[in-house]
């Protein structure tokens, strides 16, 4: 079974307010929370969490991409580290269960429905 990857932007900051000096970026907070919860919920390594320096959506708060071989990639923006971690794990479970990566809109956790920025189709090779 191919791995499913969560790309987490480490440099994102959800709040429009200035980040206090020496405080962690919201993207790093989200990354830490996802690493902890994924280790508990997915002990068989079917999910890879890959931190990235930047996903080039800096004006969009915390940004996460969900991707897998031969499945569309989902891009989520404006995520709150406090509220979205559990919803992202729910989404990834639905994504993993779908052989083609299609997740029914009504099944997507409500908190994520307004944060989906793009569904990027699988390339035809």
Protein backbone atom coordinates (compact mmCIF):
# COMPACT_ATOMS: atom_id res chain seq x y z
CA UNK A 1 0.00 0.00 0.00
CA UNK A 2 1.42 3.41 -0.91
CA UNK A 3 2.14 5.88 1.85
CA UNK A 4 -0.07 8.88 2.38
CA UNK A 5 1.78 12.10 3.04
CA UNK A 6 0.84 15.17 5.06
CA UNK A 7 2.99 18.13 4.04
CA UNK A 8 2.99 20.69 6.85
CA UNK A 9 4.31 24.21 6.32
CA UNK A 10 6.56 24.97 9.30
CA UNK A 11 6.73 28.71 8.71
CA UNK A 12 2.98 29.41 8.58
CA UNK A 13 1.29 31.65 11.09
CA UNK A 14 -2.52 31.62 11.31
CA UNK A 15 -3.01 34.88 13.13
CA UNK A 16 -2.76 38.17 11.30
CA UNK A 17 -1.22 39.64 14.46
CA UNK A 18 2.53 39.77 14.78
CA UNK A 19 4.07 36.63 16.20
CA UNK A 20 5.79 37.34 19.52
CA UNK A 21 9.56 37.02 19.31
CA UNK A 22 10.89 33.53 20.07
CA UNK A 23 7.41 31.97 20.00
CA UNK A 24 6.92 28.99 17.70
CA UNK A 25 5.21 29.39 14.35
CA UNK A 26 1.67 28.02 14.24
CA UNK A 27 2.84 25.60 11.54
CA UNK A 28 5.36 24.10 13.96
CA UNK A 29 2.69 23.79 16.65
CA UNK A 30 0.40 21.99 14.18
CA UNK A 31 3.30 19.77 13.09
CA UNK A 32 4.06 18.74 16.68
CA UNK A 33 0.40 17.96 17.40
CA UNK A 34 0.02 15.91 14.21
CA UNK A 35 3.23 13.97 14.89
CA UNK A 36 1.96 13.03 18.35
CA UNK A 37 -1.57 12.06 17.27
CA UNK A 38 -0.49 10.20 14.13
CA UNK A 39 1.91 8.05 16.13
CA UNK A 40 -1.05 7.03 18.31
CA UNK A 41 -3.67 6.55 15.56
CA UNK A 42 -1.49 5.19 12.74
CA UNK A 43 1.16 2.96 14.34
CA UNK A 44 1.72 1.00 11.10
CA UNK A 45 3.39 3.92 9.30
CA UNK A 46 0.78 4.35 6.56
CA UNK A 47 1.11 8.12 7.02
CA UNK A 48 4.28 10.09 6.53
CA UNK A 49 4.36 13.59 7.99
CA UNK A 50 6.74 15.71 6.01
CA UNK A 51 7.53 19.20 7.30
CA UNK A 52 8.37 21.74 4.61
CA UNK A 53 9.93 25.15 4.97
CA UNK A 54 7.21 26.90 3.00
CA UNK A 55 4.22 25.97 0.84
CA UNK A 56 4.05 29.46 -0.71
CA UNK A 57 0.67 30.36 0.76
CA UNK A 58 1.96 32.74 3.42
CA UNK A 59 -1.14 34.94 3.39
CA UNK A 60 -3.31 31.88 4.04
CA UNK A 61 -2.34 30.97 7.60
CA UNK A 62 -1.42 27.39 8.43
CA UNK A 63 -1.22 25.31 5.26
CA UNK A 64 -1.31 21.52 4.89
CA UNK A 65 -1.29 19.36 1.76
CA UNK A 66 -2.52 15.75 1.78
CA UNK A 67 -1.15 13.59 -1.01
CA UNK A 68 -0.66 10.01 -2.14
CA UNK A 69 0.34 8.15 -5.28
CA UNK A 70 -2.50 8.03 -7.83
CA UNK A 71 -4.82 10.15 -5.66
CA UNK A 72 -5.64 13.84 -5.87
CA UNK A 73 -3.80 16.21 -3.57
CA UNK A 74 -5.87 18.30 -1.17
CA UNK A 75 -4.61 21.69 -0.03
CA UNK A 76 -5.97 23.12 3.22
CA UNK A 77 -5.36 26.74 4.26
CA UNK A 78 -6.13 28.98 7.23
CA UNK A 79 -5.93 26.09 9.67
CA UNK A 80 -5.92 26.74 13.38
CA UNK A 81 -3.48 24.49 15.23
CA UNK A 82 -5.84 24.39 18.20
CA UNK A 83 -8.92 23.32 16.25
CA UNK A 84 -7.89 21.46 13.13
CA UNK A 85 -5.62 18.59 14.22
CA UNK A 86 -8.40 16.10 14.97
CA UNK A 87 -10.32 17.08 11.85
CA UNK A 88 -7.22 16.56 9.69
CA UNK A 89 -6.83 13.07 11.13
CA UNK A 90 -10.48 12.32 10.38
CA UNK A 91 -9.97 13.54 6.82
CA UNK A 92 -6.80 11.49 6.29
CA UNK A 93 -8.63 8.35 7.48
CA UNK A 94 -11.33 8.96 4.85
CA UNK A 95 -8.64 9.66 2.25
CA UNK A 96 -6.79 6.44 3.05
CA UNK A 97 -9.98 4.36 2.86
CA UNK A 98 -10.86 5.74 -0.57
CA UNK A 99 -9.09 3.82 -3.32
CA UNK A 100 -9.11 6.89 -5.59
CA UNK A 101 -8.75 9.54 -2.88
CA UNK A 102 -12.23 10.95 -3.44
CA UNK A 103 -13.75 12.12 -0.18
CA UNK A 104 -17.46 12.89 -0.17
CA UNK A 105 -18.01 16.55 0.75
CA UNK A 106 -20.55 15.75 3.47
CA UNK A 107 -18.04 13.40 5.15
CA UNK A 108 -15.32 16.04 5.36
CA UNK A 109 -15.23 17.40 8.92
CA UNK A 110 -17.16 20.65 8.98
CA UNK A 111 -14.24 22.66 10.32
CA UNK A 112 -12.23 21.70 7.21
CA UNK A 113 -14.92 22.40 4.61
CA UNK A 114 -14.16 26.11 4.57
CA UNK A 115 -10.40 25.53 4.54
CA UNK A 116 -10.11 23.41 1.38
CA UNK A 117 -8.28 25.64 -1.07
CA UNK A 118 -7.72 23.12 -3.86
CA UNK A 119 -8.12 19.54 -4.95
CA UNK A 120 -5.29 18.96 -7.42
CA UNK A 121 -6.03 16.08 -9.79
CA UNK A 122 -3.73 13.11 -10.20
CA UNK A 123 -1.47 13.59 -13.23
CA UNK A 124 -2.20 11.31 -16.19
CA UNK A 125 1.06 9.73 -17.23
